[in-house]
């Protein structure tokens, strides 16, 4: 997940317009296939939520923002996103004024 995050974040700070298409074509699908294959239970590390789930959720959420619809071919990842968002404390946080959906990156990033 960290390698995926590094590539995604780096792309947002470099030439985003050129880098985005290459990232979607060469990196996104391969990573989503691996994440889908590795998700064999409700959560990343089994049947109970762990900190790994929040990192995976963050990466998948960023991916959906950059490439809407990208999770469509991945039913386990799509269901995972629904499960995490439905956790009571996550639902409450997302509904609160503390939740900031954007920007994803610092002001000097090309994609925020």
N, C-alpha and C. Protein backbone atom coordinates (compact mmCIF):
# COMPACT_ATOMS: atom_id res chain seq x y z
N UNK A 1 0.82 -1.19 0.00
CA UNK A 1 0.00 0.00 0.00
C UNK A 1 0.88 1.27 0.00
N UNK A 2 2.00 1.20 0.70
CA UNK A 2 2.88 2.36 0.77
C UNK A 2 3.51 2.69 -0.57
N UNK A 3 3.94 1.67 -1.32
CA UNK A 3 4.51 1.91 -2.65
C UNK A 3 3.47 2.55 -3.56
N UNK A 4 2.25 2.06 -3.48
CA UNK A 4 1.16 2.61 -4.28
C UNK A 4 0.94 4.08 -3.90
N UNK A 5 0.91 4.36 -2.60
CA UNK A 5 0.71 5.73 -2.12
C UNK A 5 1.83 6.65 -2.59
N UNK A 6 3.06 6.18 -2.53
CA UNK A 6 4.20 7.00 -2.97
C UNK A 6 4.07 7.38 -4.44
N UNK A 7 3.71 6.43 -5.26
CA UNK A 7 3.54 6.70 -6.69
C UNK A 7 2.39 7.64 -6.96
N UNK A 8 1.28 7.42 -6.29
CA UNK A 8 0.09 8.26 -6.46
C UNK A 8 0.38 9.70 -6.01
N UNK A 9 0.96 9.84 -4.83
CA UNK A 9 1.25 11.17 -4.31
C UNK A 9 2.31 11.88 -5.16
N UNK A 10 3.36 11.16 -5.54
CA UNK A 10 4.39 11.75 -6.38
C UNK A 10 3.83 12.26 -7.69
N UNK A 11 2.93 11.52 -8.29
CA UNK A 11 2.30 11.92 -9.54
C UNK A 11 1.54 13.23 -9.36
N UNK A 12 0.95 13.44 -8.22
CA UNK A 12 0.18 14.66 -7.97
C UNK A 12 1.07 15.89 -7.83
N UNK A 13 2.35 15.69 -7.53
CA UNK A 13 3.28 16.80 -7.35
C UNK A 13 4.14 17.07 -8.58
N UNK A 14 4.22 16.10 -9.49
CA UNK A 14 5.01 16.31 -10.71
C UNK A 14 4.06 16.78 -11.80
N UNK A 15 4.36 16.50 -13.02
CA UNK A 15 3.52 16.92 -14.15
C UNK A 15 2.25 16.08 -14.16
N UNK A 16 1.28 16.51 -13.38
CA UNK A 16 0.07 15.73 -13.17
C UNK A 16 -0.66 15.41 -14.46
N UNK A 17 -0.84 16.39 -15.31
CA UNK A 17 -1.62 16.17 -16.52
C UNK A 17 -1.03 15.06 -17.39
N UNK A 18 0.27 15.00 -17.53
CA UNK A 18 0.91 13.93 -18.30
C UNK A 18 1.01 12.66 -17.47
N UNK A 19 1.35 12.81 -16.21
CA UNK A 19 1.56 11.65 -15.35
C UNK A 19 0.30 10.89 -15.03
N UNK A 20 -0.83 11.56 -14.97
CA UNK A 20 -2.09 10.92 -14.61
C UNK A 20 -2.44 9.80 -15.59
N UNK A 21 -2.40 10.09 -16.87
CA UNK A 21 -2.77 9.08 -17.87
C UNK A 21 -1.86 7.86 -17.79
N UNK A 22 -0.57 8.09 -17.62
CA UNK A 22 0.36 6.97 -17.51
C UNK A 22 0.12 6.19 -16.23
N UNK A 23 -0.16 6.90 -15.13
CA UNK A 23 -0.43 6.24 -13.85
C UNK A 23 -1.68 5.37 -13.95
N UNK A 24 -2.72 5.91 -14.55
CA UNK A 24 -3.97 5.13 -14.70
C UNK A 24 -3.72 3.92 -15.59
N UNK A 25 -3.02 4.11 -16.69
CA UNK A 25 -2.79 3.02 -17.64
C UNK A 25 -1.84 1.96 -17.11
N UNK A 26 -0.80 2.37 -16.37
CA UNK A 26 0.26 1.43 -16.01
C UNK A 26 0.28 0.98 -14.55
N UNK A 27 -0.31 1.74 -13.68
CA UNK A 27 -0.18 1.43 -12.25
C UNK A 27 -1.51 1.11 -11.57
N UNK A 28 -2.53 1.89 -11.85
CA UNK A 28 -3.77 1.78 -11.10
C UNK A 28 -4.40 0.40 -11.20
N UNK A 29 -4.63 -0.07 -12.40
CA UNK A 29 -5.30 -1.36 -12.58
C UNK A 29 -4.54 -2.51 -11.95
N UNK A 30 -3.22 -2.51 -12.13
CA UNK A 30 -2.40 -3.57 -11.54
C UNK A 30 -2.50 -3.57 -10.02
N UNK A 31 -2.45 -2.38 -9.44
CA UNK A 31 -2.54 -2.28 -7.98
C UNK A 31 -3.92 -2.71 -7.49
N UNK A 32 -4.96 -2.28 -8.17
CA UNK A 32 -6.31 -2.65 -7.74
C UNK A 32 -6.53 -4.16 -7.86
N UNK A 33 -5.97 -4.77 -8.88
CA UNK A 33 -6.06 -6.24 -9.02
C UNK A 33 -5.40 -6.93 -7.83
N UNK A 34 -4.23 -6.44 -7.42
CA UNK A 34 -3.54 -7.02 -6.26
C UNK A 34 -4.34 -6.81 -4.98
N UNK A 35 -4.85 -5.61 -4.79
CA UNK A 35 -5.64 -5.34 -3.59
C UNK A 35 -6.90 -6.21 -3.57
N UNK A 36 -7.54 -6.34 -4.71
CA UNK A 36 -8.75 -7.17 -4.81
C UNK A 36 -8.43 -8.63 -4.47
N UNK A 37 -7.36 -9.15 -5.03
CA UNK A 37 -6.96 -10.54 -4.78
C UNK A 37 -6.58 -10.77 -3.32
N UNK A 38 -5.99 -9.77 -2.69
CA UNK A 38 -5.54 -9.92 -1.30
C UNK A 38 -6.62 -9.73 -0.27
N UNK A 39 -7.77 -9.24 -0.68
CA UNK A 39 -8.86 -8.98 0.26
C UNK A 39 -9.78 -10.19 0.29
N UNK A 40 -9.44 -11.14 1.15
CA UNK A 40 -10.19 -12.40 1.19
C UNK A 40 -11.21 -12.46 2.32
N UNK A 41 -11.27 -11.41 3.12
CA UNK A 41 -12.27 -11.35 4.19
C UNK A 41 -12.83 -9.92 4.23
N UNK A 42 -13.61 -9.62 5.24
CA UNK A 42 -14.26 -8.31 5.30
C UNK A 42 -13.28 -7.15 5.37
N UNK A 43 -12.15 -7.37 6.03
CA UNK A 43 -11.18 -6.30 6.22
C UNK A 43 -9.80 -6.78 5.80
N UNK A 44 -8.85 -5.86 5.74
CA UNK A 44 -7.53 -6.15 5.18
C UNK A 44 -6.79 -7.26 5.92
N UNK A 45 -6.96 -7.31 7.24
CA UNK A 45 -6.23 -8.30 8.03
C UNK A 45 -7.13 -9.36 8.65
N UNK A 46 -8.33 -9.51 8.14
CA UNK A 46 -9.24 -10.53 8.67
C UNK A 46 -10.65 -10.01 8.85
N UNK A 47 -11.30 -10.51 9.89
CA UNK A 47 -12.70 -10.18 10.11
C UNK A 47 -12.93 -8.94 10.97
N UNK A 48 -11.86 -8.35 11.46
CA UNK A 48 -11.97 -7.17 12.32
C UNK A 48 -11.17 -6.02 11.74
N UNK A 49 -11.67 -4.82 11.92
CA UNK A 49 -11.01 -3.63 11.39
C UNK A 49 -9.69 -3.39 12.12
N UNK A 50 -8.68 -2.99 11.35
CA UNK A 50 -7.37 -2.63 11.90
C UNK A 50 -6.93 -1.33 11.23
N UNK A 51 -5.81 -0.81 11.66
CA UNK A 51 -5.28 0.42 11.07
C UNK A 51 -4.99 0.24 9.57
N UNK A 52 -4.69 -0.96 9.14
CA UNK A 52 -4.43 -1.22 7.72
C UNK A 52 -5.65 -0.90 6.86
N UNK A 53 -6.83 -1.09 7.41
CA UNK A 53 -8.05 -0.80 6.66
C UNK A 53 -8.19 0.68 6.35
N UNK A 54 -7.77 1.52 7.29
CA UNK A 54 -7.90 2.95 7.07
C UNK A 54 -6.92 3.44 6.00
N UNK A 55 -5.74 2.86 5.97
CA UNK A 55 -4.77 3.21 4.93
C UNK A 55 -5.27 2.74 3.57
N UNK A 56 -5.76 1.52 3.49
CA UNK A 56 -6.29 1.02 2.22
C UNK A 56 -7.49 1.85 1.77
N UNK A 57 -8.36 2.19 2.70
CA UNK A 57 -9.52 3.03 2.37
C UNK A 57 -9.06 4.37 1.78
N UNK A 58 -8.08 4.98 2.43
CA UNK A 58 -7.57 6.27 1.96
C UNK A 58 -7.05 6.16 0.53
N UNK A 59 -6.27 5.13 0.25
CA UNK A 59 -5.69 4.97 -1.09
C UNK A 59 -6.76 4.72 -2.14
N UNK A 60 -7.74 3.91 -1.80
CA UNK A 60 -8.82 3.63 -2.74
C UNK A 60 -9.68 4.87 -2.96
N UNK A 61 -9.89 5.63 -1.90
CA UNK A 61 -10.68 6.86 -2.04
C UNK A 61 -9.97 7.87 -2.94
N UNK A 62 -8.67 8.04 -2.75
CA UNK A 62 -7.91 8.93 -3.63
C UNK A 62 -7.99 8.45 -5.08
N UNK A 63 -7.90 7.15 -5.25
CA UNK A 63 -7.98 6.58 -6.60
C UNK A 63 -9.32 6.89 -7.25
N UNK A 64 -10.40 6.81 -6.47
CA UNK A 64 -11.74 7.12 -7.00
C UNK A 64 -11.85 8.59 -7.39
N UNK A 65 -11.17 9.46 -6.68
CA UNK A 65 -11.21 10.88 -7.00
C UNK A 65 -10.44 11.14 -8.29
N UNK A 66 -9.28 10.53 -8.43
CA UNK A 66 -8.46 10.72 -9.62
C UNK A 66 -9.05 10.04 -10.84
N UNK A 67 -9.60 8.85 -10.66
CA UNK A 67 -10.18 8.08 -11.77
C UNK A 67 -11.55 7.55 -11.33
N UNK A 68 -12.59 8.39 -11.43
CA UNK A 68 -13.93 7.95 -11.03
C UNK A 68 -14.33 6.65 -11.74
N UNK A 69 -14.96 5.77 -10.99
CA UNK A 69 -15.41 4.51 -11.55
C UNK A 69 -14.36 3.41 -11.54
N UNK A 70 -13.16 3.72 -11.08
CA UNK A 70 -12.07 2.73 -11.16
C UNK A 70 -12.32 1.48 -10.32
N UNK A 71 -13.15 1.57 -9.31
CA UNK A 71 -13.41 0.39 -8.47
C UNK A 71 -14.52 -0.49 -9.02
N UNK A 72 -15.19 -0.02 -10.07
CA UNK A 72 -16.30 -0.78 -10.65
C UNK A 72 -16.00 -2.25 -10.94
N UNK A 73 -14.86 -2.56 -11.53
CA UNK A 73 -14.55 -3.96 -11.84
C UNK A 73 -14.10 -4.79 -10.63
N UNK A 74 -14.06 -4.18 -9.46
CA UNK A 74 -13.51 -4.86 -8.28
C UNK A 74 -14.55 -4.93 -7.17
N UNK A 75 -15.39 -5.96 -7.19
CA UNK A 75 -16.50 -6.03 -6.23
C UNK A 75 -16.05 -6.13 -4.77
N UNK A 76 -14.96 -6.81 -4.49
CA UNK A 76 -14.51 -6.90 -3.09
C UNK A 76 -14.03 -5.55 -2.58
N UNK A 77 -13.31 -4.81 -3.42
CA UNK A 77 -12.85 -3.49 -3.01
C UNK A 77 -14.02 -2.53 -2.84
N UNK A 78 -14.98 -2.61 -3.74
CA UNK A 78 -16.16 -1.76 -3.63
C UNK A 78 -16.93 -2.04 -2.35
N UNK A 79 -17.10 -3.32 -2.03
CA UNK A 79 -17.80 -3.70 -0.79
C UNK A 79 -17.00 -3.28 0.43
N UNK A 80 -15.69 -3.39 0.35
CA UNK A 80 -14.81 -2.96 1.44
C UNK A 80 -15.02 -1.48 1.72
N UNK A 81 -15.06 -0.67 0.68
CA UNK A 81 -15.24 0.77 0.86
C UNK A 81 -16.56 1.07 1.56
N UNK A 82 -17.61 0.35 1.20
CA UNK A 82 -18.91 0.53 1.85
C UNK A 82 -18.83 0.12 3.31
N UNK A 83 -18.18 -1.01 3.59
CA UNK A 83 -18.06 -1.50 4.98
C UNK A 83 -17.32 -0.51 5.87
N UNK A 84 -16.20 0.00 5.37
CA UNK A 84 -15.41 0.94 6.19
C UNK A 84 -16.20 2.23 6.40
N UNK A 85 -16.80 2.76 5.36
CA UNK A 85 -17.57 4.00 5.48
C UNK A 85 -18.76 3.83 6.41
N UNK A 86 -19.25 2.61 6.57
CA UNK A 86 -20.41 2.34 7.42
C UNK A 86 -20.04 2.14 8.89
N UNK A 87 -18.76 2.07 9.21
CA UNK A 87 -18.37 1.95 10.62
C UNK A 87 -18.91 3.17 11.36
N UNK A 88 -19.57 2.99 12.49
CA UNK A 88 -20.25 4.11 13.16
C UNK A 88 -19.37 5.35 13.39
N UNK A 89 -18.16 5.17 13.83
CA UNK A 89 -17.31 6.34 14.10
C UNK A 89 -16.84 7.00 12.80
N UNK A 90 -16.68 6.22 11.76
CA UNK A 90 -16.30 6.78 10.45
C UNK A 90 -17.49 7.55 9.87
N UNK A 91 -18.67 6.96 9.95
CA UNK A 91 -19.87 7.64 9.48
C UNK A 91 -20.06 8.97 10.19
N UNK A 92 -19.89 8.96 11.52
CA UNK A 92 -20.04 10.20 12.30
C UNK A 92 -18.99 11.23 11.89
N UNK A 93 -17.76 10.78 11.73
CA UNK A 93 -16.69 11.70 11.32
C UNK A 93 -16.97 12.31 9.96
N UNK A 94 -17.36 11.49 9.00
CA UNK A 94 -17.61 11.98 7.64
C UNK A 94 -18.78 12.96 7.60
N UNK A 95 -19.70 12.83 8.53
CA UNK A 95 -20.85 13.74 8.59
C UNK A 95 -20.54 15.02 9.37
N UNK A 96 -19.41 15.04 10.05
CA UNK A 96 -19.08 16.19 10.90
C UNK A 96 -18.39 17.29 10.12
N UNK A 97 -18.28 18.43 10.74
CA UNK A 97 -17.56 19.55 10.15
C UNK A 97 -16.05 19.36 10.17
N UNK A 98 -15.57 18.33 10.89
CA UNK A 98 -14.14 18.05 10.95
C UNK A 98 -13.61 17.33 9.71
N UNK A 99 -14.49 16.72 8.97
CA UNK A 99 -14.10 15.95 7.79
C UNK A 99 -13.81 16.90 6.63
N UNK A 100 -12.61 16.82 6.09
CA UNK A 100 -12.21 17.64 4.95
C UNK A 100 -11.93 16.68 3.79
N UNK A 101 -12.81 16.70 2.80
CA UNK A 101 -12.65 15.78 1.67
C UNK A 101 -11.53 16.21 0.72
N UNK A 102 -11.35 17.48 0.54
CA UNK A 102 -10.32 18.01 -0.34
C UNK A 102 -9.73 19.23 0.31
N UNK A 103 -8.53 19.61 0.09
CA UNK A 103 -7.58 19.05 -0.85
C UNK A 103 -6.94 17.76 -0.33
N UNK A 104 -6.48 16.97 -1.26
CA UNK A 104 -5.77 15.73 -0.93
C UNK A 104 -4.31 16.00 -0.61
N UNK A 105 -3.78 17.07 -1.16
CA UNK A 105 -2.35 17.36 -1.07
C UNK A 105 -2.13 18.82 -0.64
N UNK A 106 -0.89 19.17 -0.44
CA UNK A 106 -0.51 20.52 -0.07
C UNK A 106 -0.82 21.49 -1.22
N UNK A 107 -0.86 22.79 -0.89
CA UNK A 107 -1.21 23.78 -1.91
C UNK A 107 -0.30 23.79 -3.14
N UNK A 108 0.97 23.39 -3.01
CA UNK A 108 1.87 23.44 -4.16
C UNK A 108 1.76 22.20 -5.07
N UNK A 109 0.92 21.25 -4.73
CA UNK A 109 0.71 20.09 -5.60
C UNK A 109 -0.07 20.51 -6.83
N UNK A 110 0.15 19.83 -7.94
CA UNK A 110 -0.59 20.13 -9.16
C UNK A 110 -2.01 19.58 -9.09
N UNK A 111 -2.20 18.50 -8.37
CA UNK A 111 -3.54 17.95 -8.18
C UNK A 111 -3.85 17.98 -6.70
N UNK A 112 -4.91 18.65 -6.34
CA UNK A 112 -5.28 18.79 -4.96
C UNK A 112 -6.53 18.02 -4.68
